[in-house]
Amino acid sequence: MCIRNEQGYAKIKGIGDFPEETGFRRLLAAMQENSLEELRSIDQQLREMRSKTVPPREIWLDIDDTVITLHGSQEGGTIGDNPRYHGRPSLKAKVAFIAETAELLNLKAYNGKIHSNGGFLNFFQDTEQRLPRNYVLKGVRLDKGFFDEKNFDYFEERTYLYVCKAPLRGGLQKVIAYLNRLATNSKHYFLKNPWQAGVG
């Protein structure tokens, strides 16, 4: 939900209007890296303080990535896979949210050429470190860009549950066809339609 449209918050804070999103973006762009790290540290401390007001809880993480198209000569951008603006410089951002509260737990930007799964385990381990002590990580939900056996091995070693969208490549299509052949003598098919396999 956009805070600009949150009338209850505006009433509590006694303010009539919010700055535009571009104002925040310009402020962050003008800040030195050590100032951004201070903001991350403050955010972490606030999360720790809030966690002390609630009993221990199991949580899930939602992890995704997105392409941030750059305009002009902004630093750090490279021309990579940009499905909306082909040939434009961009950044790739990985994000991790606490599913139950929609809190942003971690965010990291990479150059636009990096694959979704590039640097994932380092990002995930950093995300684990950011969890408050009384938050017990139960499981992880991921987009298909993170579909990788090394990631799954890591989760299983730590007994995390996980759900990951699977890219419908040739190997997976063969498995689906095989399962459907096995099921021909039963009353149903495992996967009658391709969208049941999580095609995205």
C-alpha atoms as a PDB file:
ATOM      1  CA  MET A   1       0.000   0.000   0.000  1.00  0.00           C
ATOM      2  CA  CYS A   2       1.346   3.460  -0.888  1.00  0.00           C
ATOM      3  CA  ILE A   3       1.854   5.582   2.231  1.00  0.00           C
ATOM      4  CA  ARG A   4       0.813   8.654   0.213  1.00  0.00           C
ATOM      5  CA  ASN A   5      -2.737   7.247   0.158  1.00  0.00           C
ATOM      6  CA  GLU A   6      -2.787   6.187   3.816  1.00  0.00           C
ATOM      7  CA  GLN A   7      -5.101   8.783   5.396  1.00  0.00           C
ATOM      8  CA  GLY A   8      -4.948   7.220   8.865  1.00  0.00           C
ATOM      9  CA  TYR A   9      -1.179   7.627   8.996  1.00  0.00           C
ATOM     10  CA  ALA A  10      -1.422  11.232   7.780  1.00  0.00           C
ATOM     11  CA  LYS A  11      -3.991  12.022  10.479  1.00  0.00           C
ATOM     12  CA  ILE A  12      -1.895  10.476  13.267  1.00  0.00           C
ATOM     13  CA  LYS A  13       1.221  12.341  12.105  1.00  0.00           C
ATOM     14  CA  GLY A  14      -0.683  15.588  11.573  1.00  0.00           C
ATOM     15  CA  ILE A  15       0.543  16.087   8.021  1.00  0.00           C
ATOM     16  CA  GLY A  16      -1.423  17.075   4.959  1.00  0.00           C
ATOM     17  CA  ASP A  17       0.766  15.820   2.134  1.00  0.00           C
ATOM     18  CA  PHE A  18       3.728  13.569   1.376  1.00  0.00           C
ATOM     19  CA  PRO A  19       6.691  14.257  -0.863  1.00  0.00           C
ATOM     20  CA  GLU A  20       6.735  12.552  -4.248  1.00  0.00           C
ATOM     21  CA  GLU A  21       8.565   9.220  -4.552  1.00  0.00           C
ATOM     22  CA  THR A  22      11.150  10.885  -6.804  1.00  0.00           C
ATOM     23  CA  GLY A  23      12.096  13.133  -3.879  1.00  0.00           C
ATOM     24  CA  PHE A  24      13.100  10.093  -1.829  1.00  0.00           C
ATOM     25  CA  ARG A  25      14.981   8.650  -4.788  1.00  0.00           C
ATOM     26  CA  ARG A  26      16.948  11.888  -5.269  1.00  0.00           C
ATOM     27  CA  LEU A  27      17.721  12.053  -1.548  1.00  0.00           C
ATOM     28  CA  LEU A  28      19.052   8.486  -1.524  1.00  0.00           C
ATOM     29  CA  ALA A  29      21.053   9.091  -4.711  1.00  0.00           C
ATOM     30  CA  ALA A  30      22.718  12.142  -3.128  1.00  0.00           C
ATOM     31  CA  MET A  31      23.689  10.312   0.056  1.00  0.00           C
ATOM     32  CA  GLN A  32      27.132   8.857   0.613  1.00  0.00           C
ATOM     33  CA  GLU A  33      27.427   5.081   0.936  1.00  0.00           C
ATOM     34  CA  ASN A  34      28.226   5.289   4.663  1.00  0.00           C
ATOM     35  CA  SER A  35      24.983   7.252   5.201  1.00  0.00           C
ATOM     36  CA  LEU A  36      23.010   4.530   3.425  1.00  0.00           C
ATOM     37  CA  GLU A  37      24.667   1.937   5.659  1.00  0.00           C
ATOM     38  CA  GLU A  38      23.634   4.008   8.688  1.00  0.00           C
ATOM     39  CA  LEU A  39      20.032   3.943   7.428  1.00  0.00           C
ATOM     40  CA  ARG A  40      20.227   0.156   7.059  1.00  0.00           C
ATOM     41  CA  SER A  41      21.620  -0.090  10.594  1.00  0.00           C
ATOM     42  CA  ILE A  42      18.814   2.083  11.998  1.00  0.00           C
ATOM     43  CA  ASP A  43      16.238  -0.030  10.150  1.00  0.00           C
ATOM     44  CA  GLN A  44      17.785  -3.179  11.631  1.00  0.00           C
ATOM     45  CA  GLN A  45      17.741  -1.717  15.162  1.00  0.00           C
ATOM     46  CA  LEU A  46      14.095  -0.693  14.823  1.00  0.00           C
ATOM     47  CA  ARG A  47      13.210  -4.211  13.662  1.00  0.00           C
ATOM     48  CA  GLU A  48      15.052  -5.700  16.655  1.00  0.00           C
ATOM     49  CA  MET A  49      13.224  -3.342  19.043  1.00  0.00           C
ATOM     50  CA  ARG A  50       9.845  -4.173  17.508  1.00  0.00           C
ATOM     51  CA  SER A  51      10.552  -7.902  17.712  1.00  0.00           C
ATOM     52  CA  LYS A  52      10.973  -7.609  21.489  1.00  0.00           C
ATOM     53  CA  THR A  53       7.336  -6.550  21.806  1.00  0.00           C
ATOM     54  CA  VAL A  54       6.016  -9.788  20.287  1.00  0.00           C
ATOM     55  CA  PRO A  55       6.467 -13.444  21.299  1.00  0.00           C
ATOM     56  CA  PRO A  56       8.801 -15.710  19.287  1.00  0.00           C
ATOM     57  CA  ARG A  57       7.296 -16.458  15.909  1.00  0.00           C
ATOM     58  CA  GLU A  58       7.839 -18.592  12.844  1.00  0.00           C
ATOM     59  CA  ILE A  59       8.107 -16.630   9.614  1.00  0.00           C
ATOM     60  CA  TRP A  60       8.424 -17.200   5.885  1.00  0.00           C
ATOM     61  CA  LEU A  61      10.549 -15.130   3.530  1.00  0.00           C
ATOM     62  CA  ASP A  62       9.418 -14.032   0.072  1.00  0.00           C
ATOM     63  CA  ILE A  63      12.385 -13.422  -2.232  1.00  0.00           C
ATOM     64  CA  ASP A  64      12.252 -11.925  -5.693  1.00  0.00           C
ATOM     65  CA  ASP A  65      14.308  -9.815  -8.048  1.00  0.00           C
ATOM     66  CA  THR A  66      13.467  -6.963 -10.342  1.00  0.00           C
ATOM     67  CA  VAL A  67      15.039  -4.909 -13.117  1.00  0.00           C
ATOM     68  CA  ILE A  68      15.521  -1.194 -12.413  1.00  0.00           C
ATOM     69  CA  THR A  69      15.862   0.753 -15.654  1.00  0.00           C
ATOM     70  CA  LEU A  70      18.279   3.674 -15.436  1.00  0.00           C
ATOM     71  CA  HIS A  71      17.751   6.933 -17.268  1.00  0.00           C
ATOM     72  CA  GLY A  72      20.683   9.132 -18.191  1.00  0.00           C
ATOM     73  CA  SER A  73      24.192   8.299 -16.991  1.00  0.00           C
ATOM     74  CA  GLN A  74      23.465   6.861 -13.553  1.00  0.00           C
ATOM     75  CA  GLU A  75      26.307   4.944 -11.952  1.00  0.00           C
ATOM     76  CA  GLY A  76      26.462   1.166 -11.837  1.00  0.00           C
ATOM     77  CA  GLY A  77      24.119   0.350 -14.688  1.00  0.00           C
ATOM     78  CA  THR A  78      24.933  -2.090 -17.459  1.00  0.00           C
ATOM     79  CA  ILE A  79      22.977  -3.261 -20.467  1.00  0.00           C
ATOM     80  CA  GLY A  80      21.586  -6.659 -19.576  1.00  0.00           C
ATOM     81  CA  ASP A  81      18.287  -8.533 -19.746  1.00  0.00           C
ATOM     82  CA  ASN A  82      15.664  -5.788 -19.557  1.00  0.00           C
ATOM     83  CA  PRO A  83      12.325  -7.233 -20.715  1.00  0.00           C
ATOM     84  CA  ARG A  84      10.576  -3.865 -20.853  1.00  0.00           C
ATOM     85  CA  TYR A  85      13.260  -1.496 -22.164  1.00  0.00           C
ATOM     86  CA  HIS A  86      15.586  -3.505 -24.417  1.00  0.00           C
ATOM     87  CA  GLY A  87      19.080  -2.046 -24.719  1.00  0.00           C
ATOM     88  CA  ARG A  88      18.721   0.361 -21.782  1.00  0.00           C
ATOM     89  CA  PRO A  89      21.220   0.298 -18.895  1.00  0.00           C
ATOM     90  CA  SER A  90      19.767  -1.182 -15.751  1.00  0.00           C
ATOM     91  CA  LEU A  91      20.400  -2.616 -12.309  1.00  0.00           C
ATOM     92  CA  LYS A  92      19.136  -5.923 -10.928  1.00  0.00           C
ATOM     93  CA  ALA A  93      17.777  -5.760  -7.376  1.00  0.00           C
ATOM     94  CA  LYS A  94      17.199  -8.723  -5.084  1.00  0.00           C
ATOM     95  CA  VAL A  95      14.596  -8.182  -2.364  1.00  0.00           C
ATOM     96  CA  ALA A  96      13.558 -10.220   0.665  1.00  0.00           C
ATOM     97  CA  PHE A  97      10.340  -9.602   2.605  1.00  0.00           C
ATOM     98  CA  ILE A  98       8.981 -11.119   5.797  1.00  0.00           C
ATOM     99  CA  ALA A  99       5.822 -12.679   4.357  1.00  0.00           C
ATOM    100  CA  GLU A 100       3.590 -12.262   7.406  1.00  0.00           C
ATOM    101  CA  THR A 101       4.224  -8.516   7.851  1.00  0.00           C
ATOM    102  CA  ALA A 102       5.394  -7.483   4.344  1.00  0.00           C
ATOM    103  CA  GLU A 103       8.462  -5.881   5.993  1.00  0.00           C
ATOM    104  CA  LEU A 104      11.392  -5.314   3.669  1.00  0.00           C
ATOM    105  CA  LEU A 105      14.202  -7.290   5.284  1.00  0.00           C
ATOM    106  CA  ASN A 106      16.941  -6.988   2.685  1.00  0.00           C
ATOM    107  CA  LEU A 107      17.598  -5.259  -0.621  1.00  0.00           C
ATOM    108  CA  LYS A 108      20.717  -5.347  -2.745  1.00  0.00           C
ATOM    109  CA  ALA A 109      21.445  -3.916  -6.188  1.00  0.00           C
ATOM    110  CA  TYR A 110      23.656  -5.635  -8.764  1.00  0.00           C
ATOM    111  CA  ASN A 111      24.722  -4.680 -12.275  1.00  0.00           C
ATOM    112  CA  GLY A 112      22.138  -5.304 -14.972  1.00  0.00           C
ATOM    113  CA  LYS A 113      23.979  -8.251 -16.536  1.00  0.00           C
ATOM    114  CA  ILE A 114      23.836 -10.498 -13.483  1.00  0.00           C
ATOM    115  CA  HIS A 115      21.452 -13.466 -13.628  1.00  0.00           C
ATOM    116  CA  SER A 116      18.689 -13.616 -11.015  1.00  0.00           C
ATOM    117  CA  ASN A 117      20.524 -16.439  -9.241  1.00  0.00           C
ATOM    118  CA  GLY A 118      23.915 -14.694  -9.343  1.00  0.00           C
ATOM    119  CA  GLY A 119      25.154 -14.106  -5.790  1.00  0.00           C
ATOM    120  CA  PHE A 120      21.939 -15.537  -4.370  1.00  0.00           C
ATOM    121  CA  LEU A 121      23.405 -17.595  -1.528  1.00  0.00           C
ATOM    122  CA  ASN A 122      25.474 -14.646  -0.272  1.00  0.00           C
ATOM    123  CA  PHE A 123      22.350 -12.483  -0.408  1.00  0.00           C
ATOM    124  CA  PHE A 124      20.319 -15.125   1.420  1.00  0.00           C
ATOM    125  CA  GLN A 125      22.932 -15.606   4.150  1.00  0.00           C
ATOM    126  CA  ASP A 126      23.024 -11.837   4.682  1.00  0.00           C
ATOM    127  CA  THR A 127      19.220 -11.896   4.895  1.00  0.00           C
ATOM    128  CA  GLU A 128      19.335 -14.631   7.556  1.00  0.00           C
ATOM    129  CA  GLN A 129      21.663 -12.442   9.639  1.00  0.00           C
ATOM    130  CA  ARG A 130      19.127  -9.605   9.526  1.00  0.00           C
ATOM    131  CA  LEU A 131      16.345 -11.624  11.146  1.00  0.00           C
ATOM    132  CA  PRO A 132      15.597 -10.671  14.758  1.00  0.00           C
ATOM    133  CA  ARG A 133      16.637 -13.338  17.265  1.00  0.00           C
ATOM    134  CA  ASN A 134      13.098 -14.377  18.164  1.00  0.00           C
ATOM    135  CA  TYR A 135      12.039 -14.802  14.522  1.00  0.00           C
ATOM    136  CA  VAL A 136      12.388 -18.445  13.495  1.00  0.00           C
ATOM    137  CA  LEU A 137      12.705 -18.926   9.761  1.00  0.00           C
ATOM    138  CA  LYS A 138      10.352 -21.714   8.724  1.00  0.00           C
ATOM    139  CA  GLY A 139      10.373 -21.429   4.945  1.00  0.00           C
ATOM    140  CA  VAL A 140      11.228 -19.520   1.794  1.00  0.00           C
ATOM    141  CA  ARG A 141       9.199 -18.706  -1.341  1.00  0.00           C
ATOM    142  CA  LEU A 142      11.159 -17.884  -4.482  1.00  0.00           C
ATOM    143  CA  ASP A 143      10.622 -16.956  -8.103  1.00  0.00           C
ATOM    144  CA  LYS A 144      11.854 -19.232 -10.901  1.00  0.00           C
ATOM    145  CA  GLY A 145      15.096 -17.265 -11.372  1.00  0.00           C
ATOM    146  CA  PHE A 146      16.342 -18.846  -8.131  1.00  0.00           C
ATOM    147  CA  PHE A 147      15.539 -22.417  -9.204  1.00  0.00           C
ATOM    148  CA  ASP A 148      18.887 -24.062  -8.459  1.00  0.00           C
ATOM    149  CA  GLU A 149      19.894 -27.304  -6.754  1.00  0.00           C
ATOM    150  CA  LYS A 150      22.585 -25.534  -4.679  1.00  0.00           C
ATOM    151  CA  ASN A 151      19.935 -23.251  -3.201  1.00  0.00           C
ATOM    152  CA  PHE A 152      17.671 -26.201  -2.407  1.00  0.00           C
ATOM    153  CA  ASP A 153      20.567 -28.118  -0.816  1.00  0.00           C
ATOM    154  CA  TYR A 154      21.269 -25.105   1.393  1.00  0.00           C
ATOM    155  CA  PHE A 155      17.632 -24.897   2.518  1.00  0.00           C
ATOM    156  CA  GLU A 156      17.454 -28.617   3.197  1.00  0.00           C
ATOM    157  CA  GLU A 157      20.664 -28.571   5.259  1.00  0.00           C
ATOM    158  CA  ARG A 158      18.990 -25.985   7.486  1.00  0.00           C
ATOM    159  CA  THR A 159      15.615 -27.798   7.407  1.00  0.00           C
ATOM    160  CA  TYR A 160      13.835 -24.818   5.817  1.00  0.00           C
ATOM    161  CA  LEU A 161      10.703 -25.514   3.830  1.00  0.00           C
ATOM    162  CA  TYR A 162      10.762 -23.945   0.386  1.00  0.00           C
ATOM    163  CA  VAL A 163       8.530 -23.295  -2.596  1.00  0.00           C
ATOM    164  CA  CYS A 164      10.142 -22.260  -5.862  1.00  0.00           C
ATOM    165  CA  LYS A 165       8.468 -21.632  -9.170  1.00  0.00           C
ATOM    166  CA  ALA A 166      10.029 -23.946 -11.769  1.00  0.00           C
ATOM    167  CA  PRO A 167      10.956 -22.824 -15.276  1.00  0.00           C
ATOM    168  CA  LEU A 168       9.215 -25.152 -17.730  1.00  0.00           C
ATOM    169  CA  ARG A 169      12.301 -26.399 -19.556  1.00  0.00           C
ATOM    170  CA  GLY A 170      12.615 -29.559 -21.635  1.00  0.00           C
ATOM    171  CA  GLY A 171      13.685 -31.742 -18.702  1.00  0.00           C
ATOM    172  CA  LEU A 172      10.701 -30.750 -16.592  1.00  0.00           C
ATOM    173  CA  GLN A 173       8.333 -31.240 -19.529  1.00  0.00           C
ATOM    174  CA  LYS A 174       9.644 -34.816 -19.866  1.00  0.00           C
ATOM    175  CA  VAL A 175       9.008 -35.466 -16.162  1.00  0.00           C
ATOM    176  CA  ILE A 176       5.435 -34.140 -16.494  1.00  0.00           C
ATOM    177  CA  ALA A 177       4.829 -36.301 -19.581  1.00  0.00           C
ATOM    178  CA  TYR A 178       6.215 -39.349 -17.748  1.00  0.00           C
ATOM    179  CA  LEU A 179       3.987 -38.763 -14.706  1.00  0.00           C
ATOM    180  CA  ASN A 180       0.965 -38.337 -16.933  1.00  0.00           C
ATOM    181  CA  ARG A 181       1.759 -41.624 -18.713  1.00  0.00           C
ATOM    182  CA  LEU A 182       1.940 -43.354 -15.316  1.00  0.00           C
ATOM    183  CA  ALA A 183      -1.426 -41.892 -14.414  1.00  0.00           C
ATOM    184  CA  THR A 184      -3.274 -42.976 -17.561  1.00  0.00           C
ATOM    185  CA  ASN A 185      -4.680 -46.027 -15.776  1.00  0.00           C
ATOM    186  CA  SER A 186      -5.912 -43.962 -12.840  1.00  0.00           C
ATOM    187  CA  LYS A 187      -8.917 -41.638 -12.683  1.00  0.00           C
ATOM    188  CA  HIS A 188      -6.895 -38.412 -13.009  1.00  0.00           C
ATOM    189  CA  TYR A 189      -3.755 -36.902 -14.477  1.00  0.00           C
ATOM    190  CA  PHE A 190      -1.072 -35.278 -12.350  1.00  0.00           C
ATOM    191  CA  LEU A 191      -0.873 -32.218 -14.592  1.00  0.00           C
ATOM    192  CA  LYS A 192      -3.547 -31.828 -17.224  1.00  0.00           C
ATOM    193  CA  ASN A 193      -2.678 -28.237 -18.122  1.00  0.00           C
ATOM    194  CA  PRO A 194       0.723 -26.539 -18.558  1.00  0.00           C
ATOM    195  CA  TRP A 195      -0.192 -23.642 -16.224  1.00  0.00           C
ATOM    196  CA  GLN A 196      -0.476 -26.119 -13.355  1.00  0.00           C
ATOM    197  CA  ALA A 197       3.300 -26.494 -13.573  1.00  0.00           C
ATOM    198  CA  GLY A 198       3.798 -22.869 -12.595  1.00  0.00           C
ATOM    199  CA  VAL A 199       4.546 -21.441 -16.010  1.00  0.00           C
ATOM    200  CA  GLY A 200       5.298 -17.744 -15.609  1.00  0.00           C
END
